[in-house]
Amino acid sequence: MVFVDGGVWKARQIRNWANYWLLHNALPISYQGKHQKTIRLIDDEDVAEECHAWIRDQNYKVMPIKFKEFIEHNLLAKLEINKKKTINISTAVRWLHILGYTKQRQKQGIFYDGHERADVVQYRNDFLKQIFEYERLMSRYEGENMDRILPDLAEGEKEHILVTHDECIFYSNDGLRGVWAKNGELPLRKKGNGKSIMISEFLTEVDGRLKLKPENIEQYPNVPVEAREYLEPGKDREGYWTAENVIEQIKIKAIPIFEVLYPNCIGIFAFDNSSNHAIFAKDALVAKKMNLKPGGLQPKMRDTYWGPDNQLQSMVFSDDHPNEKLRSQPKGLRQILQERKKWPNGGLMLECKECKEKNDDENRINCCARRVMSLEPDFLAQKGAIAEIIEKAGHKCIFYPKFHCELNFIERYWGAAKRHARENCNYSWVGLKQIVPQSLESVSLITIRRFARKAWRYMSLYQKGIGGKLAEYAVKKYRSHRRIPDEVIEELNQIKFD
C-alpha cells in the first residue's frame, strides 16, 4: 500500500482499513459509483398525490399496465417531462408497492364488484333520498340500551316503521370456520353443504322479529302468530322459494301482523333488489310480454289510462267484437299503438337486436314496437306485484340498491344466528332443525337495533358522498352514532385511504 499526499482523512481511512483487514482478512467493499444519481419521481409528494387520485378514480380496477399508461400519457405530460420517457411494467408494480398498494383478495362484507357502478350509484342516491324523507317520521333508537325515541309528528302525520325482509339458508354441514386440534390431527370436513333449511323473515327496529305479542294472540285468533316462513328446499323435498311464496307471505302474514302490532302506523316494507322480488302481476302492463299481433299466448292485461286526457283503453278486444276470432283476445302491440296513433306508416318489428341484448340507450325510442310501448307513461309507471299489494294495503314499498347488503340490517341478524348455529349444532339434519329456530331467537332486540343503527350509519355516509374504505372506517369508529355529524364528515374528508 502506497501512501501519497498525507492528510487527516486519509490517515483515518488507512487505520479503518487496517482494522477491517485484521478482522476480516479483506479490504472493505467500495460503493463508489453505486449510489442513486437521481431522485425517483414517485418520491415527490405532488407526483404521489396525482397517482393516488388516479387510483381512487379506478374504483378497485387498477392494473399495472393501465397505471403505466397513465404515467406515460398523463402524468409525465403534466410534469412537462420528455414525452419519449417511459417506464416498464415492473417499475409500475414497484411504484404501486411504494404507494402502499398490494394485490389481495377482498374479504369485507361489502360487494365491491358493482357497488360503485354508475347505474347502481344513481339508484342508491334515489333510494337514499327516499329513505331519508321517511326517516323523520320514524322512531330513533339511542343510548346504551337503544331506547326508543318517538318521532315529532305534525297533525295528520303517521309514524312510519321500517320492515326489512330477506331470505337465508342454513346448511347441516356448515361448521365452524376454524377448529382447535393437535398438529396433524385436523378433522376432515363432510363433503358438500348437506341438507338445508331456508328462512324468509321480516324484522323491525321496534320489536325485532315480526310476530304477535302474547296479548295479541288471543285477541286476533285469525292472524298468524309470526311472519317467518320455513322451507326445506329441493326438487324431492318442499320445492323452491318463489315470488308467489313471498307474495303469499306478505298478504297472509306480514301485513296482518304489522297492522295488529302497529295500528295507525305506516309500514315501509324493504326488500333486496332480486329478480324474485321484481315479478309483475299476471295482468300487469309489461311490453316484453306482448306480441305484435292479436291473440296467441300473450297475457290479457288490465285496462289502462293514457294521454293528456287520461283516456281509458282496453288491452283486449270486446266480447262482442265483429270478428268472432278476436273476441276477448289480447290486442297486441300493433293494435294498441295504432289506437294511440303511435304506429308509424312503415311499421315496426316486434323487438330489435339491441333490445334483445338489453343494450339500453335513452336516445333509442322507436327502434321496435316493444321499445315504443315500454316508454309509454302508463307502462313506465307499472309497479311490481309486491309493491302493488303493499301499497294497496296503505303501506309503502322500497327496494335496496343492488350490491349493498350493508344497508339491510337483517344481513347481520343472519350472521349472528349462523354463528350461534355453528357453535351449538351437532351437524346432523335432526340437529339443524332443532337449532335453527333457537339460533334465530338468540339474537336480542338490542342487538337487532344496533345492527339497524350500523346500517343507518352507512346510509348517512353514502348520502354525504363518503364511500369505500373511508365509509367502513367511519362506521366502525363512530359506532354510537345513527347518523354521522357534519363536523365529523369534514374531518373524514381530510383522511386519505390509499
Protein backbone atom coordinates (compact mmCIF):
# COMPACT_ATOMS: atom_id res chain seq x y z
CA MET A 1 0.00 0.00 0.00
CA VAL A 2 1.44 3.37 -1.09
CA PHE A 3 0.61 6.49 0.91
CA VAL A 4 0.74 9.67 -1.20
CA ASP A 5 -0.19 13.20 -0.14
CA GLY A 6 -0.96 12.84 3.54
CA GLY A 7 -3.94 14.24 5.35
CA VAL A 8 -6.10 13.60 8.40
CA TRP A 9 -8.97 11.96 6.48
CA LYS A 10 -6.63 9.63 4.55
CA ALA A 11 -4.83 8.67 7.75
CA ARG A 12 -8.15 7.74 9.38
CA GLN A 13 -9.20 5.70 6.35
CA ILE A 14 -5.93 3.75 6.40
CA ARG A 15 -6.41 2.93 10.09
CA ASN A 16 -10.00 1.84 9.39
CA TRP A 17 -8.89 -0.38 6.51
CA ALA A 18 -6.14 -1.89 8.66
CA ASN A 19 -8.60 -2.72 11.45
CA TYR A 20 -11.06 -4.15 8.91
CA TRP A 21 -8.25 -6.30 7.43
CA LEU A 22 -7.33 -7.68 10.82
CA LEU A 23 -10.96 -8.64 11.46
CA HIS A 24 -12.00 -9.93 8.01
CA ASN A 25 -8.73 -10.61 6.18
CA ALA A 26 -10.05 -8.42 3.34
CA LEU A 27 -10.49 -4.76 2.50
CA PRO A 28 -13.94 -3.09 2.78
CA ILE A 29 -16.16 -3.18 -0.32
CA SER A 30 -16.18 0.11 -2.18
CA TYR A 31 -19.58 1.63 -3.00
CA GLN A 32 -18.11 4.37 -5.13
CA GLY A 33 -20.33 4.98 -8.21
CA LYS A 34 -23.09 2.72 -6.91
CA HIS A 35 -25.32 5.35 -5.31
CA GLN A 36 -28.57 6.61 -6.90
CA LYS A 37 -27.74 9.58 -9.10
CA THR A 38 -31.32 10.90 -9.43
CA ILE A 39 -34.40 11.28 -7.24
CA ARG A 40 -37.32 8.96 -8.06
CA LEU A 41 -40.39 10.72 -9.39
CA ILE A 42 -42.62 8.68 -7.11
CA ASP A 43 -40.86 10.13 -4.05
CA ASP A 44 -42.20 13.58 -4.93
CA GLU A 45 -45.31 14.33 -2.82
CA ASP A 46 -47.18 16.01 -5.67
CA VAL A 47 -46.50 13.10 -8.02
CA ALA A 48 -47.61 10.60 -5.37
CA GLU A 49 -50.84 12.54 -4.80
CA GLU A 50 -51.57 12.57 -8.55
CA CYS A 51 -51.13 8.80 -8.57
CA HIS A 52 -53.36 8.33 -5.52
CA ALA A 53 -56.09 10.45 -7.13
CA TRP A 54 -55.97 8.39 -10.33
CA ILE A 55 -56.08 5.10 -8.41
CA ARG A 56 -59.11 6.23 -6.39
CA ASP A 57 -60.93 7.07 -9.63
CA GLN A 58 -60.43 3.50 -10.89
CA ASN A 59 -62.82 2.02 -8.27
CA TYR A 60 -60.64 -1.01 -7.48
CA LYS A 61 -59.93 -1.75 -11.15
CA VAL A 62 -56.25 -0.79 -11.11
CA MET A 63 -53.93 -2.82 -13.33
CA PRO A 64 -50.17 -2.22 -13.67
CA ILE A 65 -50.48 -1.83 -17.46
CA LYS A 66 -53.16 0.86 -17.04
CA PHE A 67 -51.09 2.57 -14.34
CA LYS A 68 -48.09 2.52 -16.69
CA GLU A 69 -50.18 4.17 -19.44
CA PHE A 70 -51.39 6.83 -17.00
CA ILE A 71 -47.79 7.64 -16.02
CA GLU A 72 -46.58 7.89 -19.61
CA HIS A 73 -49.52 9.65 -21.25
CA ASN A 74 -50.90 11.82 -18.45
CA LEU A 75 -48.55 12.32 -15.53
CA LEU A 76 -45.29 12.86 -17.44
CA ALA A 77 -47.01 15.24 -19.85
CA LYS A 78 -48.47 17.20 -16.95
CA LEU A 79 -45.00 17.47 -15.42
CA GLU A 80 -43.61 18.57 -18.83
CA ILE A 81 -41.18 15.68 -18.93
CA ASN A 82 -39.88 14.39 -22.27
CA LYS A 83 -42.74 12.54 -23.99
CA LYS A 84 -40.34 9.78 -25.05
CA LYS A 85 -39.75 8.93 -21.39
CA THR A 86 -41.30 5.57 -20.45
CA ILE A 87 -41.40 3.10 -17.58
CA ASN A 88 -41.75 -0.66 -17.74
CA ILE A 89 -44.33 -2.88 -16.06
CA SER A 90 -42.02 -3.88 -13.22
CA THR A 91 -41.47 -0.20 -12.40
CA ALA A 92 -45.23 0.37 -12.39
CA VAL A 93 -45.66 -2.55 -9.98
CA ARG A 94 -42.84 -1.23 -7.77
CA TRP A 95 -44.40 2.23 -7.71
CA LEU A 96 -47.75 0.74 -6.67
CA HIS A 97 -45.99 -1.00 -3.78
CA ILE A 98 -44.26 2.25 -2.81
CA LEU A 99 -47.67 3.95 -2.76
CA GLY A 100 -48.91 1.26 -0.37
CA TYR A 101 -50.96 -0.93 -2.72
CA THR A 102 -50.75 -4.73 -2.81
CA LYS A 103 -52.64 -7.31 -4.82
CA GLN A 104 -55.04 -9.04 -2.42
CA ARG A 105 -58.35 -10.80 -2.14
CA GLN A 106 -61.34 -8.81 -0.88
CA LYS A 107 -62.68 -10.10 2.46
CA GLN A 108 -65.07 -7.37 3.56
CA GLY A 109 -68.85 -7.72 3.83
CA ILE A 110 -69.48 -5.20 1.05
CA PHE A 111 -69.90 -6.28 -2.57
CA TYR A 112 -67.26 -4.11 -4.25
CA ASP A 113 -67.92 -5.67 -7.65
CA GLY A 114 -70.70 -3.45 -8.97
CA HIS A 115 -71.01 -1.40 -5.76
CA GLU A 116 -69.88 1.83 -7.47
CA ARG A 117 -71.23 1.13 -10.95
CA ALA A 118 -72.81 4.28 -12.42
CA ASP A 119 -76.37 2.93 -12.60
CA VAL A 120 -76.11 1.43 -9.12
CA VAL A 121 -74.85 4.72 -7.65
CA GLN A 122 -77.71 6.60 -9.31
CA TYR A 123 -80.25 4.14 -7.88
CA ARG A 124 -78.55 4.37 -4.47
CA ASN A 125 -78.86 8.16 -4.49
CA ASP A 126 -82.56 7.92 -5.35
CA PHE A 127 -83.06 5.29 -2.63
CA LEU A 128 -81.29 7.42 0.00
CA LYS A 129 -83.33 10.47 -0.89
CA GLN A 130 -86.50 8.45 -0.41
CA ILE A 131 -85.49 6.69 2.82
CA PHE A 132 -84.35 9.92 4.48
CA GLU A 133 -87.66 11.57 3.62
CA TYR A 134 -89.30 8.77 5.62
CA GLU A 135 -86.73 8.88 8.44
CA ARG A 136 -88.13 11.99 10.13
CA LEU A 137 -91.39 10.05 10.57
CA MET A 138 -89.63 7.09 12.23
CA SER A 139 -88.64 6.40 15.82
CA ARG A 140 -84.94 6.59 16.69
CA TYR A 141 -83.06 4.24 19.00
CA GLU A 142 -80.19 5.68 21.01
CA GLY A 143 -78.08 5.19 24.13
CA GLU A 144 -76.51 2.12 25.66
CA ASN A 145 -79.88 0.36 25.87
CA MET A 146 -81.04 1.55 22.43
CA ASP A 147 -84.07 3.29 23.94
CA ARG A 148 -86.87 4.28 21.59
CA ILE A 149 -87.38 7.99 20.86
CA LEU A 150 -90.70 8.67 19.15
CA PRO A 151 -90.81 11.00 16.13
CA ASP A 152 -92.17 14.54 16.37
CA LEU A 153 -95.22 14.24 14.13
CA ALA A 154 -97.32 17.08 12.77
CA GLU A 155 -101.10 16.90 12.86
CA GLY A 156 -102.34 14.23 10.48
CA GLU A 157 -98.95 12.52 10.12
CA LYS A 158 -98.48 8.85 10.98
CA GLU A 159 -95.41 7.13 12.33
CA HIS A 160 -93.53 5.13 9.69
CA ILE A 161 -91.88 1.83 10.65
CA LEU A 162 -89.21 0.14 8.53
CA VAL A 163 -89.95 -3.56 7.96
CA THR A 164 -86.97 -5.21 6.31
CA HIS A 165 -87.07 -8.60 4.63
CA ASP A 166 -84.62 -11.21 3.42
CA GLU A 167 -84.15 -14.92 2.90
CA CYS A 168 -81.31 -17.07 4.23
CA ILE A 169 -80.29 -20.74 4.03
CA PHE A 170 -78.83 -22.79 6.90
CA TYR A 171 -76.89 -25.95 5.96
CA SER A 172 -76.43 -29.01 8.15
CA ASN A 173 -72.70 -29.26 7.30
CA ASP A 174 -71.97 -25.54 7.73
CA GLY A 175 -69.47 -25.94 10.57
CA LEU A 176 -67.10 -23.62 12.40
CA ARG A 177 -64.60 -21.82 10.21
CA GLY A 178 -61.71 -22.85 12.47
CA VAL A 179 -61.12 -25.65 14.99
CA TRP A 180 -58.63 -26.39 17.80
CA ALA A 181 -56.67 -29.54 17.06
CA LYS A 182 -53.20 -31.04 17.54
CA ASN A 183 -50.75 -30.83 14.67
CA GLY A 184 -51.52 -33.48 12.10
CA GLU A 185 -54.93 -34.29 13.62
CA LEU A 186 -57.15 -31.83 11.75
CA PRO A 187 -60.59 -33.45 11.30
CA LEU A 188 -61.97 -33.94 7.81
CA ARG A 189 -64.93 -31.83 6.76
CA LYS A 190 -68.03 -33.54 5.44
CA LYS A 191 -68.35 -33.24 1.68
CA GLY A 192 -70.95 -30.76 0.44
CA ASN A 193 -73.20 -28.46 2.42
CA GLY A 194 -75.68 -31.16 3.36
CA LYS A 195 -79.44 -30.70 3.71
CA SER A 196 -80.72 -27.18 4.21
CA ILE A 197 -83.48 -25.05 5.68
CA MET A 198 -84.46 -21.75 4.08
CA ILE A 199 -85.85 -18.92 6.21
CA SER A 200 -87.86 -15.94 4.98
CA GLU A 201 -88.01 -13.34 7.75
CA PHE A 202 -89.22 -9.79 8.47
CA LEU A 203 -87.57 -7.55 11.09
CA THR A 204 -88.40 -4.15 12.59
CA GLU A 205 -86.38 -1.89 14.87
CA VAL A 206 -89.40 -1.66 17.18
CA ASP A 207 -89.74 -5.31 18.22
CA GLY A 208 -87.22 -7.26 16.18
CA ARG A 209 -88.87 -10.29 14.59
CA LEU A 210 -92.30 -9.55 13.13
CA LYS A 211 -94.60 -11.63 15.34
CA LEU A 212 -97.58 -11.14 17.60
CA LYS A 213 -97.12 -10.47 21.29
CA PRO A 214 -98.76 -12.86 23.79
CA GLU A 215 -101.57 -10.38 24.49
CA ASN A 216 -102.37 -10.18 20.74
CA ILE A 217 -102.67 -13.91 20.10
CA GLU A 218 -106.00 -14.46 21.89
CA GLN A 219 -107.42 -11.15 20.66
CA TYR A 220 -106.68 -11.92 16.99
CA PRO A 221 -107.05 -15.71 16.55
CA ASN A 222 -107.28 -15.44 12.74
CA VAL A 223 -103.95 -13.63 12.39
CA PRO A 224 -100.80 -15.82 12.13
CA VAL A 225 -98.53 -15.70 15.18
CA GLU A 226 -95.35 -14.91 13.24
CA ALA A 227 -94.38 -13.75 9.76
CA ARG A 228 -91.43 -16.14 9.45
CA GLU A 229 -91.58 -18.92 6.86
CA TYR A 230 -89.53 -22.12 6.74
CA LEU A 231 -88.84 -24.18 3.63
CA GLU A 232 -86.80 -27.34 3.07
CA PRO A 233 -85.63 -26.59 -0.48
CA GLY A 234 -85.02 -29.25 -3.06
CA LYS A 235 -86.62 -30.96 -6.04
CA ASP A 236 -87.59 -34.00 -3.98
CA ARG A 237 -88.46 -32.04 -0.82
CA GLU A 238 -90.65 -28.92 -0.48
CA GLY A 239 -89.64 -27.35 -3.78
CA TYR A 240 -88.11 -23.90 -4.13
CA TRP A 241 -88.92 -20.45 -2.79
CA THR A 242 -90.62 -18.39 -5.49
CA ALA A 243 -92.06 -14.92 -5.91
CA GLU A 244 -95.52 -16.39 -5.32
CA ASN A 245 -94.34 -17.63 -1.90
CA VAL A 246 -93.12 -14.14 -0.98
CA ILE A 247 -96.39 -12.54 -2.12
CA GLU A 248 -98.44 -15.02 -0.08
CA GLN A 249 -96.23 -14.44 2.97
CA ILE A 250 -96.75 -10.67 2.65
CA LYS A 251 -100.54 -10.87 2.17
CA ILE A 252 -101.36 -13.56 4.73
CA LYS A 253 -98.73 -12.95 7.39
CA ALA A 254 -96.60 -9.79 7.24
CA ILE A 255 -99.25 -7.12 6.60
CA PRO A 256 -101.92 -8.52 9.00
CA ILE A 257 -99.35 -8.94 11.81
CA PHE A 258 -97.95 -5.44 11.23
CA GLU A 259 -101.41 -3.88 11.39
CA VAL A 260 -102.18 -5.66 14.67
CA LEU A 261 -98.88 -4.63 16.27
CA TYR A 262 -98.74 -1.06 14.98
CA PRO A 263 -102.26 0.31 14.38
CA ASN A 264 -102.40 3.74 12.79
CA CYS A 265 -98.79 3.35 11.55
CA ILE A 266 -97.46 3.04 8.02
CA GLY A 267 -95.07 0.22 7.20
CA ILE A 268 -92.13 0.76 4.88
CA PHE A 269 -91.53 -2.75 3.59
CA ALA A 270 -87.97 -3.06 2.25
CA PHE A 271 -86.71 -5.89 0.02
CA ASP A 272 -83.48 -6.69 -1.77
CA ASN A 273 -83.32 -5.98 -5.48
CA SER A 274 -83.56 -9.58 -6.69
CA SER A 275 -85.43 -10.90 -9.72
CA ASN A 276 -87.66 -12.90 -7.36
CA HIS A 277 -88.96 -9.65 -5.88
CA ALA A 278 -89.36 -7.85 -9.23
CA ILE A 279 -92.08 -10.11 -10.61
CA PHE A 280 -95.18 -8.46 -12.08
CA ALA A 281 -98.82 -9.41 -11.61
CA LYS A 282 -100.24 -11.61 -14.38
CA ASP A 283 -102.27 -8.72 -15.84
CA ALA A 284 -99.57 -6.04 -15.39
CA LEU A 285 -98.64 -3.70 -18.25
CA VAL A 286 -95.37 -5.25 -19.42
CA ALA A 287 -94.38 -4.61 -23.05
CA LYS A 288 -91.94 -7.52 -23.32
CA LYS A 289 -94.81 -9.96 -22.69
CA MET A 290 -96.82 -8.63 -25.64
CA ASN A 291 -96.89 -9.97 -29.20
CA LEU A 292 -97.10 -7.86 -32.32
CA LYS A 293 -100.38 -9.41 -33.46
CA PRO A 294 -103.60 -10.19 -31.52
CA GLY A 295 -104.22 -13.41 -29.62
CA GLY A 296 -101.62 -16.09 -29.01
CA LEU A 297 -100.01 -16.83 -25.66
CA GLN A 298 -99.62 -13.22 -24.58
CA PRO A 299 -101.41 -12.43 -21.28
CA LYS A 300 -104.63 -10.50 -21.01
CA MET A 301 -103.58 -7.22 -19.44
CA ARG A 302 -105.60 -4.83 -17.30
CA ASP A 303 -107.33 -1.75 -18.68
CA THR A 304 -105.22 1.39 -18.61
CA TYR A 305 -105.40 5.16 -18.99
CA TRP A 306 -103.19 7.09 -21.37
CA GLY A 307 -102.66 10.50 -22.98
CA PRO A 308 -103.25 14.05 -21.71
CA ASP A 309 -106.99 13.40 -21.36
CA ASN A 310 -106.42 10.24 -19.31
CA GLN A 311 -108.29 8.19 -21.87
CA LEU A 312 -109.42 4.68 -20.94
CA GLN A 313 -108.03 1.92 -23.15
CA SER A 314 -108.79 -1.78 -23.00
CA MET A 315 -105.90 -4.13 -23.70
CA VAL A 316 -108.26 -6.83 -25.02
CA PHE A 317 -110.92 -6.81 -27.71
CA SER A 318 -114.51 -6.62 -26.53
CA ASP A 319 -116.55 -9.80 -26.21
CA ASP A 320 -118.92 -8.54 -28.93
CA HIS A 321 -116.25 -7.65 -31.49
CA PRO A 322 -117.41 -8.10 -35.13
CA ASN A 323 -114.63 -10.59 -35.73
CA GLU A 324 -115.54 -13.59 -33.60
CA LYS A 325 -111.93 -14.82 -33.59
CA LEU A 326 -110.80 -11.60 -31.86
CA ARG A 327 -113.44 -11.52 -29.14
CA SER A 328 -111.87 -11.23 -25.65
CA GLN A 329 -108.41 -11.72 -27.19
CA PRO A 330 -105.34 -9.59 -26.29
CA LYS A 331 -104.99 -6.81 -28.85
CA GLY A 332 -101.23 -6.98 -29.32
CA LEU A 333 -98.72 -4.17 -29.76
CA ARG A 334 -99.71 -3.03 -33.24
CA GLN A 335 -103.38 -2.53 -32.37
CA ILE A 336 -102.61 -0.74 -29.08
CA LEU A 337 -100.10 1.61 -30.73
CA GLN A 338 -102.48 2.26 -33.62
CA GLU A 339 -105.19 3.27 -31.16
CA ARG A 340 -102.69 5.66 -29.57
CA LYS A 341 -101.64 6.92 -33.02
CA LYS A 342 -98.06 5.80 -32.31
CA TRP A 343 -97.79 3.25 -35.12
CA PRO A 344 -95.60 4.56 -38.00
CA ASN A 345 -96.56 4.15 -41.67
CA GLY A 346 -93.55 1.91 -42.28
CA GLY A 347 -94.47 -0.35 -39.37
CA LEU A 348 -92.23 -1.71 -36.59
CA MET A 349 -90.57 -5.03 -35.85
CA LEU A 350 -91.51 -6.76 -32.61
CA GLU A 351 -88.09 -6.41 -30.93
CA CYS A 352 -84.78 -5.15 -32.28
CA LYS A 353 -81.37 -6.73 -31.66
CA GLU A 354 -80.29 -4.00 -29.22
CA CYS A 355 -83.38 -4.52 -27.05
CA LYS A 356 -82.94 -8.30 -27.10
CA GLU A 357 -79.37 -7.86 -25.88
CA LYS A 358 -80.55 -5.32 -23.27
CA ASN A 359 -78.33 -2.57 -24.67
CA ASP A 360 -80.20 0.30 -23.06
CA ASP A 361 -79.87 3.69 -24.74
CA GLU A 362 -82.16 6.54 -23.70
CA ASN A 363 -81.82 8.07 -27.18
CA ARG A 364 -83.24 4.94 -28.85
CA ILE A 365 -87.00 5.46 -28.60
CA ASN A 366 -88.62 4.00 -31.74
CA CYS A 367 -86.43 1.06 -32.74
CA CYS A 368 -89.14 -1.56 -32.26
CA ALA A 369 -92.71 -2.00 -31.07
CA ARG A 370 -91.78 -3.27 -27.60
CA ARG A 371 -89.45 -0.32 -27.07
CA VAL A 372 -92.10 2.24 -28.09
CA MET A 373 -94.70 0.58 -25.86
CA SER A 374 -92.35 0.27 -22.88
CA LEU A 375 -91.68 4.04 -22.94
CA GLU A 376 -95.36 4.94 -22.68
CA PRO A 377 -96.06 6.65 -19.30
CA ASP A 378 -98.58 4.04 -18.10
CA PHE A 379 -96.13 1.22 -18.85
CA LEU A 380 -93.25 3.09 -17.20
CA ALA A 381 -95.39 3.60 -14.10
CA GLN A 382 -96.19 -0.11 -13.78
CA LYS A 383 -95.01 -1.45 -10.41
CA GLY A 384 -94.17 -4.99 -9.40
CA ALA A 385 -96.65 -7.32 -7.72
CA ILE A 386 -95.06 -6.93 -4.28
CA ALA A 387 -95.25 -3.14 -4.38
CA GLU A 388 -98.85 -3.22 -5.62
CA ILE A 389 -100.01 -5.48 -2.79
CA ILE A 390 -98.27 -3.43 -0.11
CA GLU A 391 -99.43 -0.06 -1.44
CA LYS A 392 -102.99 -1.34 -1.85
CA ALA A 393 -102.95 -2.05 1.90
CA GLY A 394 -101.95 1.57 2.57
CA HIS A 395 -98.26 0.96 3.22
CA LYS A 396 -95.07 1.72 1.27
CA CYS A 397 -92.53 -0.46 -0.52
CA ILE A 398 -88.87 0.17 -1.31
CA PHE A 399 -86.04 -1.93 -2.72
CA TYR A 400 -82.43 -1.74 -1.58
CA PRO A 401 -79.75 -0.90 -4.17
CA LYS A 402 -78.01 -3.89 -5.72
CA PHE A 403 -74.65 -4.93 -4.17
CA HIS A 404 -75.48 -3.01 -0.95
CA CYS A 405 -76.12 -5.75 1.62
CA GLU A 406 -74.64 -3.43 4.29
CA LEU A 407 -77.79 -1.28 4.11
CA ASN A 408 -80.07 -4.15 5.13
CA PHE A 409 -79.61 -4.79 8.85
CA ILE A 410 -81.19 -8.25 8.57
CA GLU A 411 -77.93 -9.43 6.95
CA ARG A 412 -76.13 -9.02 10.28
CA TYR A 413 -79.01 -10.76 12.02
CA TRP A 414 -78.37 -13.77 9.77
CA GLY A 415 -74.67 -13.63 10.61
CA ALA A 416 -75.31 -13.66 14.36
CA ALA A 417 -77.83 -16.50 14.04
CA LYS A 418 -75.45 -18.58 11.91
CA ARG A 419 -72.64 -18.05 14.39
CA HIS A 420 -74.88 -19.38 17.17
CA ALA A 421 -75.90 -22.34 14.99
CA ARG A 422 -72.29 -23.27 14.19
CA GLU A 423 -71.35 -23.15 17.86
CA ASN A 424 -74.28 -25.25 19.04
CA CYS A 425 -75.28 -27.59 16.19
CA ASN A 426 -74.17 -31.23 16.08
CA TYR A 427 -74.09 -31.00 12.24
CA SER A 428 -76.84 -33.51 11.64
CA TRP A 429 -80.15 -32.93 9.86
CA VAL A 430 -82.13 -33.50 13.06
CA GLY A 431 -79.79 -31.17 14.92
CA LEU A 432 -80.17 -28.47 12.27
CA LYS A 433 -83.97 -28.49 12.50
CA GLN A 434 -83.73 -28.10 16.27
CA ILE A 435 -81.06 -25.40 16.37
CA VAL A 436 -82.21 -23.04 13.59
CA PRO A 437 -85.26 -21.64 15.46
CA GLN A 438 -83.18 -21.35 18.65
CA SER A 439 -80.41 -19.52 16.78
CA LEU A 440 -82.84 -17.03 15.24
CA GLU A 441 -84.38 -16.33 18.65
CA SER A 442 -80.93 -15.97 20.24
CA VAL A 443 -80.40 -12.55 18.61
CA SER A 444 -81.67 -9.99 21.12
CA LEU A 445 -83.75 -6.90 20.35
CA ILE A 446 -80.93 -4.58 21.47
CA THR A 447 -78.55 -6.36 19.09
CA ILE A 448 -81.02 -6.03 16.21
CA ARG A 449 -81.39 -2.31 16.93
CA ARG A 450 -77.61 -1.92 16.91
CA PHE A 451 -77.44 -3.72 13.58
CA ALA A 452 -80.03 -1.26 12.25
CA ARG A 453 -78.06 1.70 13.64
CA LYS A 454 -74.99 0.50 11.75
CA ALA A 455 -76.98 0.27 8.51
CA TRP A 456 -78.23 3.84 9.06
CA ARG A 457 -74.61 4.99 9.51
CA TYR A 458 -73.73 3.57 6.11
CA MET A 459 -76.72 5.34 4.57
CA SER A 460 -75.75 8.61 6.26
CA LEU A 461 -72.21 8.38 4.90
CA TYR A 462 -73.26 7.46 1.37
CA GLN A 463 -75.75 10.33 1.37
CA LYS A 464 -72.89 12.74 2.13
CA GLY A 465 -70.57 11.34 -0.51
CA ILE A 466 -68.37 9.18 1.75
CA GLY A 467 -67.80 5.67 0.42
CA GLY A 468 -65.32 2.81 0.12
CA LYS A 469 -62.80 2.15 2.87
CA LEU A 470 -63.38 5.58 4.37
CA ALA A 471 -67.03 4.69 4.96
CA GLU A 472 -66.03 1.38 6.57
CA TYR A 473 -63.57 3.21 8.82
CA ALA A 474 -66.17 5.79 9.88
CA VAL A 475 -68.87 3.18 10.53
CA LYS A 476 -66.54 1.30 12.89
CA LYS A 477 -65.14 4.39 14.64
CA TYR A 478 -68.42 6.20 15.27
CA ARG A 479 -70.36 3.14 16.35
CA SER A 480 -72.57 5.05 18.82
CA HIS A 481 -73.95 7.28 16.06
CA ARG A 482 -77.03 6.66 13.93
CA ARG A 483 -76.08 9.48 11.58
CA ILE A 484 -72.57 10.89 11.18
CA PRO A 485 -72.49 14.62 12.19
CA ASP A 486 -71.46 17.21 9.60
CA GLU A 487 -68.35 18.24 11.58
CA VAL A 488 -67.18 14.62 11.55
CA ILE A 489 -67.77 14.47 7.79
CA GLU A 490 -65.40 17.42 7.39
CA GLU A 491 -62.75 15.57 9.41
CA LEU A 492 -63.26 12.41 7.37
CA ASN A 493 -62.73 14.30 4.13
CA GLN A 494 -59.22 15.14 5.35
CA ILE A 495 -58.32 11.46 5.79
CA LYS A 496 -56.62 9.74 2.88
CA PHE A 497 -57.04 5.99 2.41
CA ASP A 498 -54.60 4.75 -0.18
